[in-house]
């Protein structure tokens, strides 16, 4: 799952390109298998609960393992954590499952093996796929051989399918693909093979267009694709052929659909937004939502990033946001269990976890905490 920087960058390009592009996409017919599952608010399992616990800290106080105040964290197939530290040096930091810094990959630049902001897509230590979300390039490292190619889109969230293809939530400017939020990409040919997910979204200069197109994606146990709207509790399952199989509609008073963000979070109570989804198998789907803190109130920003622009310290984000985690039974259309924790989710990592920002001390050296989510008391 990518964090707020990717959202802001996607929005930025939609605004910029939208001044000269205006397209209306036609709503594609639904597949014959398509159905809608409406999920009521109350949890259905009286004995079920979610246990959220911290499992590892990433980021050293000093040295090559230090991280920045924003980061993207992914876990490789062999269990290591890869942290995009956003320090401006183009490195991708690798930590052991226990949080020990191992090494760094890459450096800043635009050549092979060089990056602006690299994010791990998947693989193992000797066979990695890395997405540079700032320069829109894809790099593969196979047996010490590095290959880099430019992508024909601006990537948001992404996932890798079992057959090796990639699925992206992306902004694409080809006329026949505009308005589709989801795109299958074939690494071997370097081409988009299919675009789908259109719901008649009009692509223009507004932030409404960006919000409507953005998806959080994950691979389903059956190799299909989950795609969640950020701005409403609506999650679709799509086949790789572009057919919608099922739609999950959640009826929750605490999550009202929205089109445009209400304003800066330290002044205006923020809306709920889906940060990511993960398929747990056995028809269980974990949904992670960022919501306003239970005791939210306007706070005074403490830092100016740009002249005339106020902002907040990363640690203050916990005063603004909480995290809601739910596990849905997508076959029965029920909430199995739900919990709310007093931390701001920064993104999802692995199949059962998420991560949040923290500090080593009052001096504010950044680190990130990885949290695990476990379903307790469930049986079928």
Protein backbone atom coordinates (compact mmCIF):
# COMPACT_ATOMS: atom_id res chain seq x y z
CA UNK A 1 0.00 0.00 0.00
CA UNK A 2 1.48 3.52 -0.90
CA UNK A 3 1.24 6.43 1.53
CA UNK A 4 0.06 10.06 1.33
CA UNK A 5 3.01 11.22 -0.81
CA UNK A 6 1.88 8.98 -3.66
CA UNK A 7 -1.66 10.30 -3.25
CA UNK A 8 -0.45 13.89 -3.38
CA UNK A 9 1.77 13.23 -6.37
CA UNK A 10 -1.02 11.54 -8.28
CA UNK A 11 -3.32 14.44 -7.48
CA UNK A 12 -0.65 16.89 -8.61
CA UNK A 13 -0.34 15.27 -12.04
CA UNK A 14 -4.08 14.97 -12.48
CA UNK A 15 -4.38 18.68 -11.82
CA UNK A 16 -1.54 19.55 -14.16
CA UNK A 17 -2.52 17.37 -17.07
CA UNK A 18 -6.21 17.96 -16.56
CA UNK A 19 -5.86 21.53 -17.79
CA UNK A 20 -5.40 20.21 -21.28
CA UNK A 21 -7.27 16.91 -21.11
CA UNK A 22 -10.99 16.39 -20.56
CA UNK A 23 -12.46 13.01 -21.24
CA UNK A 24 -15.69 11.22 -20.38
CA UNK A 25 -15.41 7.46 -19.88
CA UNK A 26 -18.38 5.23 -20.62
CA UNK A 27 -19.51 2.88 -17.86
CA UNK A 28 -18.65 -0.71 -18.79
CA UNK A 29 -21.36 -3.35 -18.42
CA UNK A 30 -21.10 -5.61 -15.40
CA UNK A 31 -20.09 -9.23 -15.80
CA UNK A 32 -22.64 -11.97 -15.51
CA UNK A 33 -21.12 -13.11 -12.20
CA UNK A 34 -21.29 -9.66 -10.66
CA UNK A 35 -23.12 -9.31 -7.35
CA UNK A 36 -23.33 -6.79 -4.53
CA UNK A 37 -22.85 -7.77 -0.90
CA UNK A 38 -24.13 -5.24 1.63
CA UNK A 39 -22.33 -5.48 4.98
CA UNK A 40 -24.16 -4.14 8.07
CA UNK A 41 -22.33 -2.21 10.75
CA UNK A 42 -22.54 -4.52 13.77
CA UNK A 43 -19.92 -7.31 14.13
CA UNK A 44 -21.50 -10.74 13.73
CA UNK A 45 -19.11 -12.80 15.88
CA UNK A 46 -19.62 -12.25 19.61
CA UNK A 47 -16.51 -14.24 20.54
CA UNK A 48 -14.16 -12.64 18.00
CA UNK A 49 -11.66 -9.86 18.59
CA UNK A 50 -8.59 -8.39 16.93
CA UNK A 51 -5.25 -8.40 18.74
CA UNK A 52 -2.99 -5.56 17.51
CA UNK A 53 0.60 -5.76 18.73
CA UNK A 54 3.93 -4.13 17.85
CA UNK A 55 6.36 -6.69 16.40
CA UNK A 56 9.40 -4.72 15.20
CA UNK A 57 10.93 -1.23 15.02
CA UNK A 58 12.71 -0.03 11.88
CA UNK A 59 15.21 2.82 11.72
CA UNK A 60 18.49 3.42 13.58
CA UNK A 61 19.32 6.49 15.66
CA UNK A 62 22.39 7.16 13.50
CA UNK A 63 24.43 5.71 10.69
CA UNK A 64 23.34 4.20 7.36
CA UNK A 65 20.18 2.68 8.90
CA UNK A 66 18.55 6.03 9.73
CA UNK A 67 15.21 6.75 8.10
CA UNK A 68 13.26 9.88 7.21
CA UNK A 69 10.01 11.20 8.63
CA UNK A 70 8.02 9.63 5.81
CA UNK A 71 8.65 6.17 4.46
CA UNK A 72 7.19 3.35 2.40
CA UNK A 73 7.73 -0.08 3.91
CA UNK A 74 7.30 -3.39 2.11
CA UNK A 75 8.25 -6.92 3.07
CA UNK A 76 10.09 -9.26 0.69
CA UNK A 77 9.20 -12.89 0.10
CA UNK A 78 12.13 -13.97 2.29
CA UNK A 79 10.96 -11.86 5.24
CA UNK A 80 13.18 -8.77 5.17
CA UNK A 81 11.75 -5.26 5.44
CA UNK A 82 12.61 -2.73 2.72
CA UNK A 83 12.25 0.90 3.73
CA UNK A 84 12.11 3.79 1.30
CA UNK A 85 13.39 6.41 3.69
CA UNK A 86 12.64 9.51 1.58
CA UNK A 87 15.96 11.07 2.56
CA UNK A 88 16.71 12.27 -0.95
CA UNK A 89 19.63 9.88 -1.46
CA UNK A 90 17.77 7.35 -3.61
CA UNK A 91 18.56 4.40 -1.33
CA UNK A 92 16.28 1.50 -0.43
CA UNK A 93 17.16 0.26 3.08
CA UNK A 94 16.96 -3.43 3.98
CA UNK A 95 16.29 -4.58 7.55
CA UNK A 96 16.13 -8.10 8.96
CA UNK A 97 12.84 -9.52 10.31
CA UNK A 98 14.13 -8.45 13.75
CA UNK A 99 14.77 -4.86 12.65
CA UNK A 100 18.56 -5.04 12.19
CA UNK A 101 19.90 -2.90 9.34
CA UNK A 102 21.48 -5.11 6.69
CA UNK A 103 22.40 -2.96 3.71
CA UNK A 104 21.19 -0.31 1.27
CA UNK A 105 20.33 -0.68 -2.40
CA UNK A 106 20.94 1.99 -5.03
CA UNK A 107 21.79 5.65 -5.00
CA UNK A 108 20.24 8.83 -6.32
CA UNK A 109 20.24 9.28 -10.07
CA UNK A 110 18.53 8.34 -13.31
CA UNK A 111 20.75 5.51 -14.49
CA UNK A 112 20.37 1.74 -14.02
CA UNK A 113 20.23 0.92 -10.33
CA UNK A 114 19.68 4.58 -9.44
CA UNK A 115 16.46 6.01 -8.01
CA UNK A 116 14.67 9.07 -6.74
CA UNK A 117 12.26 7.28 -4.38
CA UNK A 118 12.44 3.48 -4.71
CA UNK A 119 9.73 1.18 -3.31
CA UNK A 120 9.99 -2.59 -3.19
CA UNK A 121 7.33 -4.38 -5.24
CA UNK A 122 8.34 -7.93 -4.43
CA UNK A 123 10.88 -10.69 -4.67
CA UNK A 124 13.79 -11.90 -2.57
CA UNK A 125 17.24 -10.47 -1.81
CA UNK A 126 18.73 -11.84 -5.05
CA UNK A 127 15.66 -11.25 -7.24
CA UNK A 128 13.97 -7.91 -6.58
CA UNK A 129 11.45 -5.76 -8.43
CA UNK A 130 11.63 -2.09 -7.47
CA UNK A 131 9.30 0.75 -8.44
CA UNK A 132 10.60 4.32 -8.47
CA UNK A 133 7.45 6.30 -7.77
CA UNK A 134 9.08 9.65 -8.51
CA UNK A 135 10.72 8.91 -11.86
CA UNK A 136 8.05 6.37 -12.99
CA UNK A 137 10.55 3.62 -13.69
CA UNK A 138 10.68 -0.09 -12.92
CA UNK A 139 13.93 -1.83 -12.00
CA UNK A 140 14.59 -5.56 -11.74
CA UNK A 141 17.64 -7.04 -10.03
CA UNK A 142 18.22 -10.67 -11.01
CA UNK A 143 21.46 -12.43 -10.03
CA UNK A 144 23.29 -9.07 -9.79
CA UNK A 145 22.06 -8.01 -13.24
CA UNK A 146 20.07 -4.75 -13.17
CA UNK A 147 17.54 -3.67 -15.79
CA UNK A 148 15.48 -0.48 -15.75
CA UNK A 149 12.53 0.56 -17.89
CA UNK A 150 10.25 3.59 -17.96
CA UNK A 151 6.58 3.10 -17.14
CA UNK A 152 3.79 4.49 -19.34
CA UNK A 153 1.79 5.79 -16.36
CA UNK A 154 1.93 7.46 -12.95
CA UNK A 155 1.65 4.67 -10.41
CA UNK A 156 -0.30 4.78 -7.18
CA UNK A 157 -0.94 1.54 -5.31
CA UNK A 158 0.12 -1.79 -6.82
CA UNK A 159 0.33 -5.57 -6.38
CA UNK A 160 2.03 -8.48 -8.12
CA UNK A 161 -0.14 -11.33 -9.38
CA UNK A 162 0.98 -14.98 -9.03
CA UNK A 163 1.66 -15.19 -12.78
CA UNK A 164 4.16 -12.32 -12.57
CA UNK A 165 1.96 -9.58 -13.98
CA UNK A 166 1.53 -6.33 -12.09
CA UNK A 167 -1.70 -4.54 -11.32
CA UNK A 168 -1.55 -0.80 -10.70
CA UNK A 169 -3.92 1.88 -9.61
CA UNK A 170 -2.50 4.49 -11.92
CA UNK A 171 -3.06 7.63 -13.94
CA UNK A 172 -2.75 6.77 -17.63
CA UNK A 173 -2.97 9.35 -20.39
CA UNK A 174 -3.69 7.11 -23.38
CA UNK A 175 -7.15 8.14 -24.65
CA UNK A 176 -8.63 4.62 -24.59
CA UNK A 177 -7.42 4.03 -21.02
CA UNK A 178 -8.32 7.33 -19.37
CA UNK A 179 -11.03 6.89 -16.77
CA UNK A 180 -9.97 3.34 -15.89
CA UNK A 181 -8.40 3.16 -12.41
CA UNK A 182 -6.83 -0.31 -12.78
CA UNK A 183 -4.18 -1.42 -15.22
CA UNK A 184 -2.47 -4.76 -15.82
CA UNK A 185 1.18 -4.41 -16.79
CA UNK A 186 3.36 -7.07 -18.35
CA UNK A 187 6.96 -6.71 -17.23
CA UNK A 188 8.37 -8.75 -20.12
CA UNK A 189 6.84 -6.60 -22.87
CA UNK A 190 6.83 -3.34 -20.92
CA UNK A 191 3.22 -2.70 -21.92
CA UNK A 192 -0.20 -2.30 -20.33
CA UNK A 193 -2.20 -5.33 -21.40
CA UNK A 194 -5.58 -4.36 -19.97
CA UNK A 195 -7.27 -1.37 -18.32
CA UNK A 196 -10.52 -1.75 -16.42
CA UNK A 197 -12.59 -0.68 -13.42
CA UNK A 198 -14.29 2.26 -15.13
CA UNK A 199 -17.42 3.56 -13.45
CA UNK A 200 -18.14 6.46 -15.75
CA UNK A 201 -15.60 8.70 -14.02
CA UNK A 202 -15.02 12.02 -15.71
CA UNK A 203 -11.31 12.91 -15.79
CA UNK A 204 -10.71 16.62 -15.38
CA UNK A 205 -8.74 19.09 -13.32
CA UNK A 206 -10.68 18.62 -10.07
CA UNK A 207 -9.65 16.76 -6.94
CA UNK A 208 -13.00 14.94 -7.21
CA UNK A 209 -11.64 13.17 -10.28
CA UNK A 210 -8.48 12.11 -8.42
CA UNK A 211 -10.45 10.80 -5.44
CA UNK A 212 -12.83 8.84 -7.67
CA UNK A 213 -10.02 7.13 -9.59
CA UNK A 214 -7.76 6.18 -6.69
CA UNK A 215 -7.82 2.53 -5.56
CA UNK A 216 -6.09 0.44 -2.92
CA UNK A 217 -5.27 -2.93 -4.50
CA UNK A 218 -4.44 -6.41 -3.21
CA UNK A 219 -4.27 -9.91 -4.64
CA UNK A 220 -7.08 -12.24 -3.61
CA UNK A 221 -6.50 -15.83 -2.54
CA UNK A 222 -8.05 -17.00 -5.83
CA UNK A 223 -5.61 -14.76 -7.82
CA UNK A 224 -8.27 -12.17 -8.57
CA UNK A 225 -7.86 -8.52 -7.59
CA UNK A 226 -9.34 -6.56 -4.70
CA UNK A 227 -9.71 -2.84 -5.37
CA UNK A 228 -10.95 -0.50 -2.64
CA UNK A 229 -12.07 3.09 -3.00
CA UNK A 230 -10.30 5.43 -0.59
CA UNK A 231 -13.21 7.84 -0.25
CA UNK A 232 -16.07 5.40 0.36
CA UNK A 233 -16.39 1.95 1.91
CA UNK A 234 -16.71 0.14 -1.39
CA UNK A 235 -14.47 -2.77 -2.32
CA UNK A 236 -14.66 -4.61 -5.65
CA UNK A 237 -13.19 -7.92 -6.67
CA UNK A 238 -12.09 -8.03 -10.31
CA UNK A 239 -10.82 -10.81 -12.50
CA UNK A 240 -7.63 -10.26 -14.46
CA UNK A 241 -9.87 -10.21 -17.55
CA UNK A 242 -11.52 -7.04 -16.26
CA UNK A 243 -14.82 -8.57 -15.08
CA UNK A 244 -16.21 -7.43 -11.76
CA UNK A 245 -17.02 -10.50 -9.66
CA UNK A 246 -18.42 -8.97 -6.50
CA UNK A 247 -18.85 -5.59 -4.82
CA UNK A 248 -18.66 -5.15 -1.05
CA UNK A 249 -20.73 -2.21 0.18
CA UNK A 250 -20.26 -1.37 3.85
CA UNK A 251 -23.03 0.40 5.75
CA UNK A 252 -21.24 2.26 8.57
CA UNK A 253 -22.30 5.59 10.03
CA UNK A 254 -18.68 6.39 10.93
CA UNK A 255 -17.63 6.21 7.26
CA UNK A 256 -19.63 8.57 5.06
CA UNK A 257 -18.67 8.84 1.37
CA UNK A 258 -16.86 12.01 0.33
CA UNK A 259 -15.66 13.55 -2.91
CA UNK A 260 -13.28 16.31 -1.86
CA UNK A 261 -11.04 16.41 1.20
CA UNK A 262 -12.48 18.88 3.75
CA UNK A 263 -9.30 20.89 4.31
CA UNK A 264 -6.08 20.69 6.32
CA UNK A 265 -6.33 18.02 9.00
CA UNK A 266 -5.12 20.17 11.89
CA UNK A 267 -7.94 22.66 11.26
CA UNK A 268 -10.84 20.52 9.96
CA UNK A 269 -11.84 17.11 11.26
CA UNK A 270 -10.64 14.69 8.56
CA UNK A 271 -12.82 12.16 6.80
CA UNK A 272 -12.41 8.40 7.06
CA UNK A 273 -10.32 6.91 4.24
CA UNK A 274 -9.42 3.32 3.37
CA UNK A 275 -5.65 2.89 3.52
CA UNK A 276 -5.50 -0.69 2.30
CA UNK A 277 -6.97 -4.19 2.14
CA UNK A 278 -5.45 -7.65 2.50
CA UNK A 279 -6.92 -11.05 1.66
CA UNK A 280 -6.53 -13.47 4.59
CA UNK A 281 -7.95 -16.45 2.73
CA UNK A 282 -11.05 -18.43 3.71
CA UNK A 283 -13.22 -15.49 2.50
CA UNK A 284 -11.73 -13.15 5.12
CA UNK A 285 -10.64 -9.66 4.11
CA UNK A 286 -8.75 -7.23 6.37
CA UNK A 287 -9.67 -3.58 5.77
CA UNK A 288 -7.59 -0.79 7.34
CA UNK A 289 -9.11 2.67 7.62
CA UNK A 290 -7.64 5.97 8.76
CA UNK A 291 -10.18 7.96 10.81
CA UNK A 292 -10.19 11.12 12.86
CA UNK A 293 -8.79 10.65 16.35
CA UNK A 294 -11.45 9.81 18.93
CA UNK A 295 -10.52 13.02 20.75
CA UNK A 296 -9.77 15.06 17.66
CA UNK A 297 -9.55 18.81 18.03
CA UNK A 298 -7.80 21.51 16.03
CA UNK A 299 -4.11 21.71 16.90
CA UNK A 300 -1.51 24.37 16.34
CA UNK A 301 1.02 23.41 13.66
CA UNK A 302 4.63 23.59 14.76
CA UNK A 303 6.69 23.77 11.62
CA UNK A 304 6.88 25.62 8.31
CA UNK A 305 8.04 23.46 5.39
CA UNK A 306 7.78 26.33 2.92
CA UNK A 307 7.64 30.08 3.49
CA UNK A 308 4.07 31.00 4.35
CA UNK A 309 2.94 27.37 4.72
CA UNK A 310 2.40 25.77 8.09
CA UNK A 311 2.52 22.05 8.71
CA UNK A 312 2.62 19.54 11.55
CA UNK A 313 5.37 17.42 13.00
CA UNK A 314 4.99 13.72 12.13
CA UNK A 315 4.46 12.89 15.80
CA UNK A 316 1.43 15.17 15.87
CA UNK A 317 -0.33 12.96 13.34
CA UNK A 318 -1.35 10.64 16.19
CA UNK A 319 -3.32 13.54 17.63
CA UNK A 320 -5.21 13.86 14.38
CA UNK A 321 -5.83 10.23 13.38
CA UNK A 322 -6.76 6.82 14.72
CA UNK A 323 -6.76 3.53 12.82
CA UNK A 324 -9.76 1.24 12.42
CA UNK A 325 -9.12 -2.39 11.48
CA UNK A 326 -11.95 -4.65 10.39
CA UNK A 327 -12.09 -8.22 9.18
CA UNK A 328 -14.98 -8.95 6.83
CA UNK A 329 -16.46 -12.27 5.83
CA UNK A 330 -16.96 -11.56 2.14
CA UNK A 331 -19.08 -14.68 1.58
CA UNK A 332 -21.57 -14.06 4.40
CA UNK A 333 -21.42 -10.26 4.13
CA UNK A 334 -20.61 -9.65 7.80
CA UNK A 335 -18.08 -7.89 9.98
CA UNK A 336 -16.27 -10.65 11.87
CA UNK A 337 -14.35 -8.32 14.20
CA UNK A 338 -13.43 -4.66 14.51
CA UNK A 339 -11.07 -2.56 16.61
CA UNK A 340 -9.81 1.02 16.78
CA UNK A 341 -6.28 1.89 17.87
CA UNK A 342 -4.82 5.25 18.82
CA UNK A 343 -2.11 5.43 16.16
CA UNK A 344 -2.05 6.86 12.67
CA UNK A 345 -1.55 4.13 10.09
CA UNK A 346 1.10 5.07 7.54
CA UNK A 347 0.61 2.04 5.31
CA UNK A 348 0.12 -1.71 5.17
CA UNK A 349 2.99 -4.17 5.29
CA UNK A 350 2.79 -7.89 4.67
CA UNK A 351 -0.47 -9.78 4.89
CA UNK A 352 -1.46 -9.10 8.50
CA UNK A 353 0.11 -5.80 9.45
CA UNK A 354 0.52 -2.08 9.12
CA UNK A 355 3.13 0.48 10.18
CA UNK A 356 3.14 3.83 11.92
CA UNK A 357 5.61 6.62 12.59
CA UNK A 358 7.34 6.95 15.96
CA UNK A 359 10.39 8.63 17.53
CA UNK A 360 13.41 7.27 19.37
CA UNK A 361 13.46 10.08 21.90
CA UNK A 362 12.44 13.66 22.56
CA UNK A 363 15.10 14.67 20.04
CA UNK A 364 12.80 13.21 17.41
CA UNK A 365 14.99 10.72 15.54
CA UNK A 366 12.51 8.94 13.24
CA UNK A 367 11.65 5.27 13.36
CA UNK A 368 8.68 3.19 12.28
CA UNK A 369 6.79 0.53 14.18
CA UNK A 370 5.35 -2.51 12.40
CA UNK A 371 2.14 -3.82 13.93
CA UNK A 372 0.62 -7.27 13.54
CA UNK A 373 -3.14 -7.93 13.48
CA UNK A 374 -4.44 -11.29 14.71
CA UNK A 375 -8.01 -12.57 14.72
CA UNK A 376 -8.84 -14.21 18.07
CA UNK A 377 -11.81 -16.43 18.92
CA UNK A 378 -12.87 -17.17 15.36
CA UNK A 379 -14.01 -20.53 14.11
CA UNK A 380 -16.12 -21.64 11.18
